[in-house]
N, C-alpha and C. Protein backbone atom coordinates (compact mmCIF):
# COMPACT_ATOMS: atom_id res chain seq x y z
N MET A 1 66.49 33.54 -121.14
CA MET A 1 65.73 32.66 -119.97
C MET A 1 66.32 33.27 -118.50
N SER A 2 65.94 33.06 -116.94
CA SER A 2 66.32 33.30 -116.23
C SER A 2 67.58 32.55 -115.46
N GLU A 3 68.35 33.20 -114.40
CA GLU A 3 69.08 32.10 -113.69
C GLU A 3 68.22 31.37 -112.95
N PRO A 4 68.56 30.52 -112.72
CA PRO A 4 67.44 29.58 -111.36
C PRO A 4 68.36 30.16 -109.90
N ARG A 5 67.25 30.65 -108.88
CA ARG A 5 67.02 31.29 -108.09
C ARG A 5 67.93 30.17 -107.06
N ALA A 6 68.86 31.37 -106.36
CA ALA A 6 69.82 30.61 -105.57
C ALA A 6 68.27 30.59 -104.15
N ASN A 7 68.77 29.23 -103.33
CA ASN A 7 67.66 28.76 -102.20
C ASN A 7 68.60 28.87 -100.99
N SER A 8 68.03 29.32 -99.94
CA SER A 8 68.91 29.40 -99.11
C SER A 8 68.49 28.81 -97.89
N ALA A 9 67.56 27.84 -98.15
CA ALA A 9 67.92 26.55 -96.96
C ALA A 9 68.83 25.62 -97.20
N PRO A 10 68.87 24.88 -96.09
CA PRO A 10 69.98 23.20 -96.03
C PRO A 10 70.16 23.09 -96.36
N LYS A 11 71.56 21.99 -97.38
CA LYS A 11 71.02 20.89 -97.91
C LYS A 11 70.92 19.71 -97.16
N ILE A 12 70.45 19.37 -97.63
CA ILE A 12 69.96 17.79 -97.17
C ILE A 12 71.03 16.95 -97.59
N ALA A 13 72.13 16.06 -96.86
CA ALA A 13 72.71 15.19 -97.33
C ALA A 13 71.99 14.00 -97.53
N ALA A 14 72.34 13.05 -99.13
CA ALA A 14 72.40 12.04 -99.49
C ALA A 14 72.44 11.09 -98.80
N ASP A 15 74.03 11.06 -97.75
CA ASP A 15 74.54 10.45 -97.00
C ASP A 15 74.28 10.65 -95.40
N PRO A 16 73.38 9.42 -95.16
CA PRO A 16 73.15 10.53 -93.74
C PRO A 16 74.36 10.30 -92.76
N ASN A 17 75.69 9.77 -93.18
CA ASN A 17 76.42 9.69 -91.64
C ASN A 17 77.20 10.99 -91.76
N ASP A 18 76.70 11.25 -93.29
CA ASP A 18 77.80 13.03 -93.76
C ASP A 18 77.57 14.18 -92.83
N VAL A 19 78.98 14.47 -92.75
CA VAL A 19 78.75 15.39 -91.34
C VAL A 19 78.53 17.00 -92.41
N ALA A 20 78.56 17.11 -93.21
CA ALA A 20 78.58 18.67 -94.12
C ALA A 20 76.88 18.85 -94.30
N GLY A 21 76.22 17.84 -94.30
CA GLY A 21 75.11 18.22 -94.92
C GLY A 21 73.97 18.57 -93.47
N TYR A 22 72.63 18.40 -93.69
CA TYR A 22 71.40 18.59 -92.74
C TYR A 22 72.10 17.97 -91.50
N ARG A 23 72.37 18.64 -90.27
CA ARG A 23 72.53 17.93 -88.65
C ARG A 23 71.24 17.45 -88.10
N ARG A 24 70.92 16.39 -87.17
CA ARG A 24 69.51 16.66 -86.76
C ARG A 24 69.83 17.66 -85.39
N PRO A 25 68.06 18.16 -84.78
CA PRO A 25 68.08 18.73 -83.89
C PRO A 25 68.46 18.25 -82.83
N GLY A 26 69.48 17.54 -82.70
CA GLY A 26 69.76 16.54 -80.97
C GLY A 26 71.35 17.05 -80.93
N GLY A 27 72.43 17.16 -82.49
CA GLY A 27 73.02 17.43 -82.58
C GLY A 27 74.32 15.94 -82.97
N ARG A 28 73.54 14.91 -83.82
CA ARG A 28 74.61 13.73 -83.81
C ARG A 28 74.03 13.48 -84.95
N PRO A 29 74.79 13.03 -85.86
CA PRO A 29 74.33 12.23 -87.00
C PRO A 29 73.88 10.88 -86.82
N ARG A 30 72.70 10.25 -87.89
CA ARG A 30 72.34 9.68 -87.39
C ARG A 30 72.42 8.19 -87.20
N GLY A 31 73.80 7.54 -87.76
CA GLY A 31 74.28 6.01 -87.56
C GLY A 31 74.37 5.79 -86.03
N GLU A 32 74.60 6.85 -85.92
CA GLU A 32 75.55 6.74 -84.27
C GLU A 32 73.88 6.14 -83.06
N GLY A 33 74.07 4.98 -82.36
CA GLY A 33 73.21 4.24 -81.85
C GLY A 33 73.15 5.43 -80.18
N SER A 34 71.63 5.32 -79.71
CA SER A 34 71.63 6.37 -78.83
C SER A 34 71.71 5.41 -77.11
N GLY A 35 72.34 5.89 -76.34
CA GLY A 35 72.49 5.21 -74.71
C GLY A 35 71.56 4.60 -74.16
N SER A 36 71.05 5.25 -74.88
CA SER A 36 68.81 4.26 -73.68
C SER A 36 68.79 3.19 -74.44
N GLY A 37 69.04 3.32 -76.19
CA GLY A 37 68.58 2.45 -76.60
C GLY A 37 69.43 0.83 -76.39
N ARG A 38 70.63 1.31 -75.56
CA ARG A 38 71.68 -0.74 -75.80
C ARG A 38 71.25 -0.65 -73.70
N GLY A 39 71.12 0.77 -72.90
CA GLY A 39 70.73 0.59 -71.56
C GLY A 39 69.37 -0.87 -71.42
N MET A 40 68.23 -0.29 -72.01
CA MET A 40 66.82 -0.64 -72.38
C MET A 40 67.24 -2.57 -72.99
N ASN A 41 68.94 -2.71 -73.76
CA ASN A 41 68.67 -3.73 -74.22
C ASN A 41 69.12 -5.23 -73.15
N ALA A 42 70.09 -3.95 -72.71
CA ALA A 42 71.47 -5.29 -71.42
C ALA A 42 69.59 -5.26 -70.22
N LEU A 43 68.97 -4.40 -70.28
CA LEU A 43 68.09 -4.66 -69.29
C LEU A 43 66.66 -5.91 -69.29
N LEU A 44 66.23 -5.93 -70.96
CA LEU A 44 65.99 -7.17 -71.52
C LEU A 44 66.70 -8.38 -71.00
N VAL A 45 67.87 -8.24 -71.36
CA VAL A 45 68.89 -9.76 -71.27
C VAL A 45 68.59 -10.11 -69.87
N VAL A 46 69.27 -8.89 -69.14
CA VAL A 46 68.93 -9.58 -67.01
C VAL A 46 67.85 -9.76 -67.03
N LEU A 47 66.60 -9.84 -67.08
CA LEU A 47 65.42 -9.51 -67.59
C LEU A 47 64.76 -10.88 -67.30
N ILE A 48 65.42 -11.18 -68.85
CA ILE A 48 64.81 -12.94 -69.60
C ILE A 48 66.15 -13.98 -68.92
N ALA A 49 67.04 -13.29 -68.58
CA ALA A 49 68.11 -14.21 -67.82
C ALA A 49 67.44 -14.17 -66.36
N GLY A 50 67.08 -13.74 -65.18
CA GLY A 50 66.50 -13.57 -64.39
C GLY A 50 65.32 -14.19 -64.79
N LEU A 51 64.03 -14.21 -65.16
CA LEU A 51 62.83 -15.70 -65.42
C LEU A 51 63.47 -17.16 -65.40
N ALA A 52 64.46 -16.59 -66.62
CA ALA A 52 65.20 -18.18 -66.94
C ALA A 52 65.70 -19.20 -65.52
N GLY A 53 66.23 -18.56 -64.80
CA GLY A 53 66.79 -18.82 -63.28
C GLY A 53 65.61 -19.02 -62.64
N ALA A 54 64.83 -18.26 -62.36
CA ALA A 54 63.58 -18.73 -61.91
C ALA A 54 62.74 -20.03 -61.97
N GLY A 55 62.57 -19.88 -63.49
CA GLY A 55 61.97 -21.10 -63.93
C GLY A 55 62.82 -22.07 -63.76
N TRP A 56 64.16 -22.28 -63.63
CA TRP A 56 64.93 -23.12 -63.42
C TRP A 56 65.19 -23.62 -61.66
N PHE A 57 64.77 -22.58 -61.01
CA PHE A 57 64.65 -23.22 -59.72
C PHE A 57 63.90 -23.69 -58.92
N ILE A 58 62.22 -23.42 -59.97
CA ILE A 58 60.89 -23.27 -59.05
C ILE A 58 61.11 -25.27 -59.87
N ALA A 59 61.90 -25.64 -61.07
CA ALA A 59 60.78 -26.83 -61.60
C ALA A 59 61.91 -27.82 -60.49
N THR A 60 63.19 -27.35 -60.44
CA THR A 60 64.36 -27.96 -58.73
C THR A 60 63.38 -28.18 -57.69
N GLN A 61 62.40 -27.48 -57.22
CA GLN A 61 61.72 -27.44 -55.93
C GLN A 61 60.74 -28.48 -56.23
N HIS A 62 60.46 -28.03 -58.08
CA HIS A 62 59.46 -29.50 -57.93
C HIS A 62 59.67 -30.52 -58.12
N GLN A 63 60.97 -30.82 -58.50
CA GLN A 63 61.36 -31.84 -58.26
C GLN A 63 61.73 -32.77 -57.36
N GLN A 64 62.55 -31.52 -55.96
CA GLN A 64 62.22 -31.65 -54.79
C GLN A 64 61.01 -32.41 -54.13
N LEU A 65 59.88 -31.78 -54.76
CA LEU A 65 59.21 -31.65 -53.97
C LEU A 65 57.82 -33.60 -54.00
N ALA A 66 57.99 -33.71 -55.30
CA ALA A 66 58.33 -34.97 -55.80
C ALA A 66 58.73 -35.85 -54.84
N LYS A 67 59.72 -36.41 -54.64
CA LYS A 67 60.92 -36.76 -54.54
C LYS A 67 60.36 -37.08 -52.77
N ALA A 68 60.54 -35.91 -52.13
CA ALA A 68 59.88 -36.34 -50.83
C ALA A 68 58.50 -36.31 -50.15
N GLU A 69 57.44 -36.41 -51.63
CA GLU A 69 56.50 -36.46 -50.97
C GLU A 69 56.67 -38.44 -51.10
N ALA A 70 57.02 -38.86 -52.15
CA ALA A 70 57.59 -40.67 -52.98
C ALA A 70 57.87 -41.30 -51.27
N SER A 71 58.88 -40.40 -50.61
CA SER A 71 59.29 -41.11 -49.85
C SER A 71 58.78 -40.11 -48.13
N LEU A 72 57.99 -40.12 -48.17
CA LEU A 72 57.23 -39.91 -46.74
C LEU A 72 55.82 -41.21 -47.23
N THR A 73 55.83 -41.59 -48.58
CA THR A 73 54.69 -41.84 -48.56
C THR A 73 55.00 -43.76 -48.92
N GLN A 74 56.29 -44.08 -48.58
CA GLN A 74 57.19 -44.79 -48.61
C GLN A 74 57.17 -45.30 -46.87
N ALA A 75 57.44 -44.49 -45.99
CA ALA A 75 57.76 -44.00 -45.06
C ALA A 75 56.38 -44.30 -43.68
N ASP A 76 55.35 -43.89 -44.55
CA ASP A 76 53.88 -44.19 -44.25
C ASP A 76 52.69 -45.41 -43.89
N ARG A 77 53.59 -45.71 -45.70
CA ARG A 77 53.71 -47.66 -45.19
C ARG A 77 54.76 -47.98 -44.12
N ARG A 78 55.41 -48.65 -44.63
CA ARG A 78 56.46 -48.69 -43.49
C ARG A 78 55.84 -48.94 -42.18
N LEU A 79 55.64 -47.47 -41.73
CA LEU A 79 54.92 -47.24 -40.07
C LEU A 79 53.51 -48.28 -40.39
N ALA A 80 52.38 -48.04 -41.22
CA ALA A 80 51.42 -48.92 -40.82
C ALA A 80 51.61 -50.11 -40.40
N VAL A 81 52.64 -50.88 -41.30
CA VAL A 81 53.10 -52.06 -41.32
C VAL A 81 53.85 -52.04 -39.15
N LEU A 82 54.31 -51.36 -39.63
CA LEU A 82 55.42 -51.79 -37.86
C LEU A 82 54.04 -51.79 -37.14
N GLU A 83 53.07 -50.61 -36.85
CA GLU A 83 52.26 -50.57 -36.42
C GLU A 83 51.21 -51.77 -35.65
N GLU A 84 51.04 -52.19 -36.78
CA GLU A 84 50.18 -53.58 -36.84
C GLU A 84 50.96 -54.92 -36.46
N ARG A 85 52.62 -54.76 -36.41
CA ARG A 85 53.02 -56.23 -36.12
C ARG A 85 53.00 -55.42 -34.42
N LEU A 86 53.08 -54.64 -34.12
CA LEU A 86 53.28 -53.92 -32.67
C LEU A 86 51.95 -54.23 -32.28
N GLN A 87 51.06 -54.00 -32.66
CA GLN A 87 49.53 -54.06 -31.87
C GLN A 87 49.16 -55.79 -31.53
N GLU A 88 50.14 -56.11 -32.66
CA GLU A 88 49.78 -58.66 -32.88
C GLU A 88 51.34 -58.85 -31.55
N VAL A 89 51.69 -58.53 -31.17
CA VAL A 89 52.68 -58.56 -30.10
C VAL A 89 52.16 -57.77 -28.42
N LEU A 90 51.83 -56.87 -28.72
CA LEU A 90 51.11 -56.21 -27.38
C LEU A 90 50.34 -57.26 -27.35
N GLY A 91 48.90 -57.85 -27.70
CA GLY A 91 48.15 -58.29 -27.60
C GLY A 91 48.39 -59.76 -27.13
N ARG A 92 49.07 -60.02 -28.41
CA ARG A 92 50.15 -61.25 -27.56
C ARG A 92 50.68 -62.09 -26.22
N HIS A 93 50.86 -60.44 -25.92
CA HIS A 93 51.30 -60.20 -25.26
C HIS A 93 50.31 -60.13 -23.69
N LEU A 94 49.75 -59.38 -24.05
CA LEU A 94 49.17 -59.12 -22.54
C LEU A 94 47.84 -60.73 -22.12
N ARG A 95 47.94 -61.23 -23.56
CA ARG A 95 46.66 -62.41 -22.85
C ARG A 95 47.53 -63.52 -22.47
N VAL A 96 49.30 -63.53 -22.40
CA VAL A 96 49.90 -64.55 -22.00
C VAL A 96 49.97 -63.83 -20.45
N VAL A 97 49.96 -62.21 -20.33
CA VAL A 97 50.00 -61.93 -18.75
C VAL A 97 48.51 -61.72 -18.59
N ALA A 98 47.25 -61.84 -19.34
CA ALA A 98 46.89 -62.63 -18.12
C ALA A 98 46.21 -63.92 -17.96
N LEU A 99 46.73 -65.22 -18.70
CA LEU A 99 47.00 -66.34 -18.35
C LEU A 99 47.70 -66.30 -17.13
N LEU A 100 48.44 -65.93 -16.71
CA LEU A 100 49.58 -66.08 -15.68
C LEU A 100 49.33 -64.72 -14.90
N ARG A 101 48.33 -64.07 -14.47
CA ARG A 101 47.44 -63.99 -13.21
C ARG A 101 46.77 -64.51 -12.93
N HIS A 102 46.30 -65.48 -13.63
CA HIS A 102 44.56 -65.87 -13.40
C HIS A 102 44.65 -67.23 -12.62
N PRO A 103 44.41 -66.86 -11.24
CA PRO A 103 44.31 -68.41 -10.74
C PRO A 103 44.64 -69.80 -11.32
N ASN A 104 43.25 -70.03 -11.72
CA ASN A 104 42.71 -71.05 -12.25
C ASN A 104 43.54 -71.77 -13.61
N THR A 105 44.65 -71.11 -13.90
CA THR A 105 45.05 -71.55 -15.27
C THR A 105 46.15 -72.09 -14.46
N PRO A 106 46.12 -73.13 -15.69
CA PRO A 106 47.53 -74.61 -14.86
C PRO A 106 49.07 -74.03 -15.14
N GLY A 107 49.24 -74.58 -14.23
CA GLY A 107 50.66 -74.32 -14.45
C GLY A 107 51.37 -72.38 -13.64
N ALA A 108 50.12 -71.67 -13.83
CA ALA A 108 50.38 -70.59 -13.38
C ALA A 108 51.21 -69.87 -12.59
N ALA A 109 51.66 -71.11 -11.17
CA ALA A 109 51.84 -70.66 -9.82
C ALA A 109 53.27 -70.79 -10.55
N MET A 110 54.21 -71.98 -11.31
CA MET A 110 55.36 -72.20 -11.91
C MET A 110 55.39 -71.54 -13.18
N ALA A 111 54.50 -70.78 -13.43
CA ALA A 111 54.41 -69.38 -14.67
C ALA A 111 54.67 -68.19 -13.67
N ALA A 112 54.09 -67.60 -12.59
CA ALA A 112 54.47 -66.43 -12.28
C ALA A 112 55.72 -66.69 -10.93
N SER A 113 56.31 -67.61 -10.67
CA SER A 113 57.53 -68.48 -10.33
C SER A 113 58.75 -67.52 -11.27
N ILE A 114 58.57 -68.37 -12.60
CA ILE A 114 59.30 -67.72 -13.69
C ILE A 114 59.59 -66.80 -13.91
N TRP A 115 58.29 -65.68 -14.00
CA TRP A 115 57.83 -64.44 -14.84
C TRP A 115 58.48 -63.69 -13.29
N PHE A 116 58.75 -64.15 -11.78
CA PHE A 116 59.04 -63.17 -10.84
C PHE A 116 60.58 -63.18 -11.51
N ARG A 117 61.60 -64.07 -11.52
CA ARG A 117 63.05 -64.22 -11.56
C ARG A 117 62.88 -63.65 -12.55
N TYR A 118 62.24 -63.47 -13.33
CA TYR A 118 62.72 -62.94 -14.92
C TYR A 118 63.02 -61.47 -14.62
N GLU A 119 62.11 -61.27 -14.17
CA GLU A 119 61.87 -59.37 -13.61
C GLU A 119 63.29 -58.77 -12.87
N ARG A 120 63.00 -59.72 -11.39
CA ARG A 120 64.57 -60.36 -11.27
C ARG A 120 66.01 -60.20 -11.68
N ALA A 121 65.61 -60.68 -12.41
CA ALA A 121 67.17 -61.22 -13.33
C ALA A 121 67.01 -59.63 -14.47
N VAL A 122 66.31 -59.08 -14.74
CA VAL A 122 66.10 -58.03 -15.44
C VAL A 122 66.44 -56.54 -14.34
N ALA A 123 65.71 -56.65 -13.26
CA ALA A 123 65.92 -55.25 -12.77
C ALA A 123 67.51 -55.57 -11.85
N SER A 124 68.24 -57.00 -11.75
CA SER A 124 69.63 -56.79 -11.36
C SER A 124 70.41 -56.19 -12.42
N CYS A 125 70.30 -57.06 -13.84
CA CYS A 125 71.18 -56.69 -14.57
C CYS A 125 70.64 -54.31 -14.42
N SER A 126 69.75 -54.38 -15.12
CA SER A 126 70.07 -52.53 -14.78
C SER A 126 71.28 -51.77 -13.47
N ASP A 127 70.64 -52.20 -12.23
CA ASP A 127 71.40 -51.89 -11.11
C ASP A 127 72.45 -52.18 -11.16
N ARG A 128 73.01 -53.37 -12.07
CA ARG A 128 75.11 -53.37 -12.16
C ARG A 128 74.75 -52.40 -13.74
N ALA A 129 74.08 -52.49 -14.22
CA ALA A 129 74.39 -51.51 -15.11
C ALA A 129 74.59 -50.24 -15.38
N ARG A 130 73.63 -49.49 -14.29
CA ARG A 130 73.63 -48.15 -13.35
C ARG A 130 75.04 -48.31 -12.55
N THR A 131 75.17 -49.39 -12.16
CA THR A 131 76.54 -49.42 -10.81
C THR A 131 77.57 -49.17 -11.65
N SER A 132 77.70 -49.68 -12.52
CA SER A 132 79.21 -49.93 -13.71
C SER A 132 79.26 -48.33 -14.38
N ARG A 133 78.24 -47.48 -14.33
CA ARG A 133 78.12 -46.27 -15.01
C ARG A 133 78.54 -45.33 -13.98
N ASN A 134 78.32 -45.68 -13.02
CA ASN A 134 78.28 -44.76 -12.01
C ASN A 134 80.45 -44.67 -12.14
N PHE A 135 80.61 -46.04 -12.03
CA PHE A 135 82.04 -46.29 -11.46
C PHE A 135 83.02 -45.34 -12.58
N VAL A 136 82.47 -45.57 -14.44
CA VAL A 136 82.97 -44.99 -15.41
C VAL A 136 82.61 -43.22 -14.58
N ARG A 137 81.20 -42.70 -14.92
CA ARG A 137 81.26 -41.51 -14.63
C ARG A 137 82.48 -40.73 -13.73
N ALA A 138 82.40 -41.08 -12.32
CA ALA A 138 83.09 -41.09 -11.90
C ALA A 138 84.53 -41.57 -10.60
N PRO A 139 85.76 -42.14 -11.22
CA PRO A 139 86.43 -43.22 -11.76
C PRO A 139 86.77 -42.55 -9.80
N GLU A 140 86.79 -41.56 -9.27
CA GLU A 140 87.38 -40.16 -8.15
C GLU A 140 86.79 -40.86 -6.46
N ARG A 141 85.27 -41.83 -7.00
CA ARG A 141 84.51 -42.56 -5.88
C ARG A 141 84.75 -43.99 -5.73
N LEU A 142 86.52 -44.53 -6.25
CA LEU A 142 86.80 -45.79 -6.37
C LEU A 142 87.04 -46.15 -5.14
N PRO A 143 87.27 -47.55 -4.49
CA PRO A 143 87.63 -47.14 -3.09
C PRO A 143 89.20 -47.23 -3.65
N ALA A 144 90.15 -47.07 -2.29
CA ALA A 144 91.92 -46.32 -3.07
C ALA A 144 92.00 -47.91 -2.44
N SER A 145 92.79 -47.99 -3.35
CA SER A 145 94.38 -49.34 -2.93
C SER A 145 95.18 -49.53 -2.26
């Protein structure tokens, strides 16, 4: 029998980490991870964290918007009640003023006299308040004692 022929082809190693056997064209053994794979994983982690943060932010803003809308609705209701009360008070006030100004109303003269005294008292109080504010603002204007 003849001898087996010698094979000139490189050997293929059974262990992929065996450095003595066949090497890949990139020059690295198979077991080492590539840098771009790690970079992609890190990028994916950052993207997922960013999406989670954005979702949390949107949910929080939605909750705050719902609370603000509820408080706005309550404020609108309170404002409507206050407007109704104001209309009632103004209506009563205008009726009283109309009665006081009508010359045929019994007691109109006495009511007009009371109204005049009231307006004079209010004007007097505002004058006093104005002068006292002036004294407080400018103490140098006070007469020397």
